[in-house]
């Protein structure tokens, strides 16, 4: 009778397949979740540095401080994230975020079913 060391290692192949499957899921998930997407009309202001904050309504933060997220040919670097309330969204904050009014901002700020309000401050980094 052979020892257990002569049996084929089926678990190794299964582990490799499962790891590959998980990696593929993580890559697809990261590609699917585009954390800092801006409407076309705001992108030029972001690139030029006129817009450096964004109000987002999410279940949980989709970005992290220090994170870099692609936008056009450059990247958005996240400087800070702050939890705020809907009452904190003023006309001045809306215009600082690139919108004409508070109502205009609120039409765009909600992403999904979340109800937590986040103030995200960032800056645009040109490609090297």
C-alpha atoms as a PDB file:
ATOM      1  CA  UNK A   1       0.000   0.000   0.000  1.00  0.00           C
ATOM      2  CA  UNK A   2       1.299   3.490  -0.822  1.00  0.00           C
ATOM      3  CA  UNK A   3       1.620   6.181   1.754  1.00  0.00           C
ATOM      4  CA  UNK A   4      -0.501   9.303   1.760  1.00  0.00           C
ATOM      5  CA  UNK A   5       2.423  11.230   0.268  1.00  0.00           C
ATOM      6  CA  UNK A   6       1.987   9.386  -3.057  1.00  0.00           C
ATOM      7  CA  UNK A   7      -1.602  10.557  -3.524  1.00  0.00           C
ATOM      8  CA  UNK A   8      -2.142  13.441  -5.940  1.00  0.00           C
ATOM      9  CA  UNK A   9      -2.609  16.818  -4.252  1.00  0.00           C
ATOM     10  CA  UNK A  10      -6.060  17.769  -5.517  1.00  0.00           C
ATOM     11  CA  UNK A  11      -6.358  20.518  -2.882  1.00  0.00           C
ATOM     12  CA  UNK A  12      -3.453  22.510  -4.371  1.00  0.00           C
ATOM     13  CA  UNK A  13      -5.175  22.795  -7.756  1.00  0.00           C
ATOM     14  CA  UNK A  14      -8.439  23.711  -6.124  1.00  0.00           C
ATOM     15  CA  UNK A  15      -6.734  26.370  -3.982  1.00  0.00           C
ATOM     16  CA  UNK A  16      -5.029  27.833  -7.068  1.00  0.00           C
ATOM     17  CA  UNK A  17      -8.326  27.922  -8.994  1.00  0.00           C
ATOM     18  CA  UNK A  18     -10.157  29.486  -6.019  1.00  0.00           C
ATOM     19  CA  UNK A  19      -7.406  32.122  -5.523  1.00  0.00           C
ATOM     20  CA  UNK A  20      -7.571  32.969  -9.241  1.00  0.00           C
ATOM     21  CA  UNK A  21     -11.356  33.214  -9.036  1.00  0.00           C
ATOM     22  CA  UNK A  22     -11.195  35.541  -6.009  1.00  0.00           C
ATOM     23  CA  UNK A  23      -8.512  37.700  -7.626  1.00  0.00           C
ATOM     24  CA  UNK A  24     -10.671  38.002 -10.735  1.00  0.00           C
ATOM     25  CA  UNK A  25     -13.643  39.022  -8.605  1.00  0.00           C
ATOM     26  CA  UNK A  26     -11.570  41.646  -6.774  1.00  0.00           C
ATOM     27  CA  UNK A  27     -10.298  43.093 -10.053  1.00  0.00           C
ATOM     28  CA  UNK A  28     -13.796  43.192 -11.553  1.00  0.00           C
ATOM     29  CA  UNK A  29     -15.175  44.702  -8.346  1.00  0.00           C
ATOM     30  CA  UNK A  30     -12.540  47.443  -8.324  1.00  0.00           C
ATOM     31  CA  UNK A  31     -13.179  48.209 -11.989  1.00  0.00           C
ATOM     32  CA  UNK A  32     -16.941  48.237 -11.430  1.00  0.00           C
ATOM     33  CA  UNK A  33     -16.739  50.583  -8.453  1.00  0.00           C
ATOM     34  CA  UNK A  34     -15.483  53.884  -9.875  1.00  0.00           C
ATOM     35  CA  UNK A  35     -15.117  55.853  -6.631  1.00  0.00           C
ATOM     36  CA  UNK A  36     -14.748  59.421  -7.881  1.00  0.00           C
ATOM     37  CA  UNK A  37     -16.750  59.929 -11.026  1.00  0.00           C
ATOM     38  CA  UNK A  38     -17.558  63.503 -12.038  1.00  0.00           C
ATOM     39  CA  UNK A  39     -20.161  64.660 -14.531  1.00  0.00           C
ATOM     40  CA  UNK A  40     -18.619  65.922 -17.753  1.00  0.00           C
ATOM     41  CA  UNK A  41     -19.466  69.533 -16.983  1.00  0.00           C
ATOM     42  CA  UNK A  42     -17.374  69.415 -13.764  1.00  0.00           C
ATOM     43  CA  UNK A  43     -14.248  67.680 -15.083  1.00  0.00           C
ATOM     44  CA  UNK A  44     -12.576  70.758 -16.574  1.00  0.00           C
ATOM     45  CA  UNK A  45     -12.990  72.626 -13.266  1.00  0.00           C
ATOM     46  CA  UNK A  46     -11.480  69.665 -11.411  1.00  0.00           C
ATOM     47  CA  UNK A  47      -8.532  69.442 -13.836  1.00  0.00           C
ATOM     48  CA  UNK A  48      -7.840  73.182 -13.528  1.00  0.00           C
ATOM     49  CA  UNK A  49      -8.044  73.101  -9.725  1.00  0.00           C
ATOM     50  CA  UNK A  50     -11.149  75.291  -9.474  1.00  0.00           C
ATOM     51  CA  UNK A  51     -13.150  72.410  -7.948  1.00  0.00           C
ATOM     52  CA  UNK A  52     -11.447  70.738  -4.974  1.00  0.00           C
ATOM     53  CA  UNK A  53     -14.363  69.279  -3.032  1.00  0.00           C
ATOM     54  CA  UNK A  54     -17.334  67.056  -3.678  1.00  0.00           C
ATOM     55  CA  UNK A  55     -20.391  66.146  -1.633  1.00  0.00           C
ATOM     56  CA  UNK A  56     -21.329  62.471  -1.924  1.00  0.00           C
ATOM     57  CA  UNK A  57     -24.274  60.584  -0.446  1.00  0.00           C
ATOM     58  CA  UNK A  58     -23.177  56.977   0.034  1.00  0.00           C
ATOM     59  CA  UNK A  59     -23.819  54.044   2.382  1.00  0.00           C
ATOM     60  CA  UNK A  60     -20.125  54.150   3.283  1.00  0.00           C
ATOM     61  CA  UNK A  61     -17.074  55.996   1.915  1.00  0.00           C
ATOM     62  CA  UNK A  62     -16.016  54.749  -1.518  1.00  0.00           C
ATOM     63  CA  UNK A  63     -12.624  56.461  -1.270  1.00  0.00           C
ATOM     64  CA  UNK A  64      -9.926  56.724   1.364  1.00  0.00           C
ATOM     65  CA  UNK A  65      -7.686  59.588   2.433  1.00  0.00           C
ATOM     66  CA  UNK A  66      -4.444  59.395   0.472  1.00  0.00           C
ATOM     67  CA  UNK A  67      -6.067  57.253  -2.222  1.00  0.00           C
ATOM     68  CA  UNK A  68      -5.493  58.026  -5.883  1.00  0.00           C
ATOM     69  CA  UNK A  69      -8.274  57.547  -8.406  1.00  0.00           C
ATOM     70  CA  UNK A  70      -7.991  57.903 -12.183  1.00  0.00           C
ATOM     71  CA  UNK A  71      -9.779  60.734 -13.889  1.00  0.00           C
ATOM     72  CA  UNK A  72      -9.172  61.384 -17.553  1.00  0.00           C
ATOM     73  CA  UNK A  73      -5.409  61.470 -18.077  1.00  0.00           C
ATOM     74  CA  UNK A  74      -4.528  62.299 -14.446  1.00  0.00           C
ATOM     75  CA  UNK A  75      -5.548  61.301 -10.948  1.00  0.00           C
ATOM     76  CA  UNK A  76      -7.628  62.581  -8.059  1.00  0.00           C
ATOM     77  CA  UNK A  77      -5.738  62.488  -4.739  1.00  0.00           C
ATOM     78  CA  UNK A  78      -8.054  62.419  -1.714  1.00  0.00           C
ATOM     79  CA  UNK A  79      -7.003  64.943   0.964  1.00  0.00           C
ATOM     80  CA  UNK A  80      -9.829  64.436   3.474  1.00  0.00           C
ATOM     81  CA  UNK A  81     -13.251  62.894   4.029  1.00  0.00           C
ATOM     82  CA  UNK A  82     -15.685  64.357   6.524  1.00  0.00           C
ATOM     83  CA  UNK A  83     -19.154  63.206   7.535  1.00  0.00           C
ATOM     84  CA  UNK A  84     -21.576  66.117   7.282  1.00  0.00           C
ATOM     85  CA  UNK A  85     -25.354  66.525   7.372  1.00  0.00           C
ATOM     86  CA  UNK A  86     -27.696  67.631   4.599  1.00  0.00           C
ATOM     87  CA  UNK A  87     -28.153  70.878   6.541  1.00  0.00           C
ATOM     88  CA  UNK A  88     -24.399  71.541   6.155  1.00  0.00           C
ATOM     89  CA  UNK A  89     -24.826  71.768   2.391  1.00  0.00           C
ATOM     90  CA  UNK A  90     -25.120  75.481   1.716  1.00  0.00           C
ATOM     91  CA  UNK A  91     -25.265  77.502  -1.486  1.00  0.00           C
ATOM     92  CA  UNK A  92     -21.594  78.422  -0.961  1.00  0.00           C
ATOM     93  CA  UNK A  93     -20.596  74.762  -0.599  1.00  0.00           C
ATOM     94  CA  UNK A  94     -22.582  73.896  -3.724  1.00  0.00           C
ATOM     95  CA  UNK A  95     -20.803  76.552  -5.785  1.00  0.00           C
ATOM     96  CA  UNK A  96     -17.416  75.498  -4.335  1.00  0.00           C
ATOM     97  CA  UNK A  97     -18.278  71.976  -5.569  1.00  0.00           C
ATOM     98  CA  UNK A  98     -18.987  73.298  -9.072  1.00  0.00           C
ATOM     99  CA  UNK A  99     -22.785  73.502  -8.944  1.00  0.00           C
ATOM    100  CA  UNK A 100     -25.067  76.459  -9.535  1.00  0.00           C
ATOM    101  CA  UNK A 101     -27.202  75.803  -6.462  1.00  0.00           C
ATOM    102  CA  UNK A 102     -27.788  73.501  -3.509  1.00  0.00           C
ATOM    103  CA  UNK A 103     -30.686  71.846  -5.378  1.00  0.00           C
ATOM    104  CA  UNK A 104     -28.434  71.261  -8.405  1.00  0.00           C
ATOM    105  CA  UNK A 105     -25.819  69.573  -6.180  1.00  0.00           C
ATOM    106  CA  UNK A 106     -28.385  67.369  -4.434  1.00  0.00           C
ATOM    107  CA  UNK A 107     -29.685  66.053  -7.778  1.00  0.00           C
ATOM    108  CA  UNK A 108     -26.213  64.663  -8.534  1.00  0.00           C
ATOM    109  CA  UNK A 109     -24.783  63.846  -5.069  1.00  0.00           C
ATOM    110  CA  UNK A 110     -26.795  60.720  -4.315  1.00  0.00           C
ATOM    111  CA  UNK A 111     -25.024  57.574  -5.519  1.00  0.00           C
ATOM    112  CA  UNK A 112     -27.040  54.441  -4.799  1.00  0.00           C
ATOM    113  CA  UNK A 113     -29.190  53.750  -1.764  1.00  0.00           C
ATOM    114  CA  UNK A 114     -26.979  55.358   0.881  1.00  0.00           C
ATOM    115  CA  UNK A 115     -28.012  58.197   3.141  1.00  0.00           C
ATOM    116  CA  UNK A 116     -24.677  59.191   4.741  1.00  0.00           C
ATOM    117  CA  UNK A 117     -23.387  62.556   3.537  1.00  0.00           C
ATOM    118  CA  UNK A 118     -19.643  62.951   2.960  1.00  0.00           C
ATOM    119  CA  UNK A 119     -17.563  65.993   2.113  1.00  0.00           C
ATOM    120  CA  UNK A 120     -14.580  64.796   0.077  1.00  0.00           C
ATOM    121  CA  UNK A 121     -11.685  67.220  -0.433  1.00  0.00           C
ATOM    122  CA  UNK A 122      -9.154  66.388  -3.134  1.00  0.00           C
ATOM    123  CA  UNK A 123      -6.777  67.768  -5.691  1.00  0.00           C
ATOM    124  CA  UNK A 124      -6.026  66.807  -9.267  1.00  0.00           C
ATOM    125  CA  UNK A 125      -2.610  65.490 -10.207  1.00  0.00           C
ATOM    126  CA  UNK A 126      -1.460  65.909 -13.788  1.00  0.00           C
ATOM    127  CA  UNK A 127       0.129  62.901 -15.471  1.00  0.00           C
ATOM    128  CA  UNK A 128       3.915  62.701 -15.186  1.00  0.00           C
END
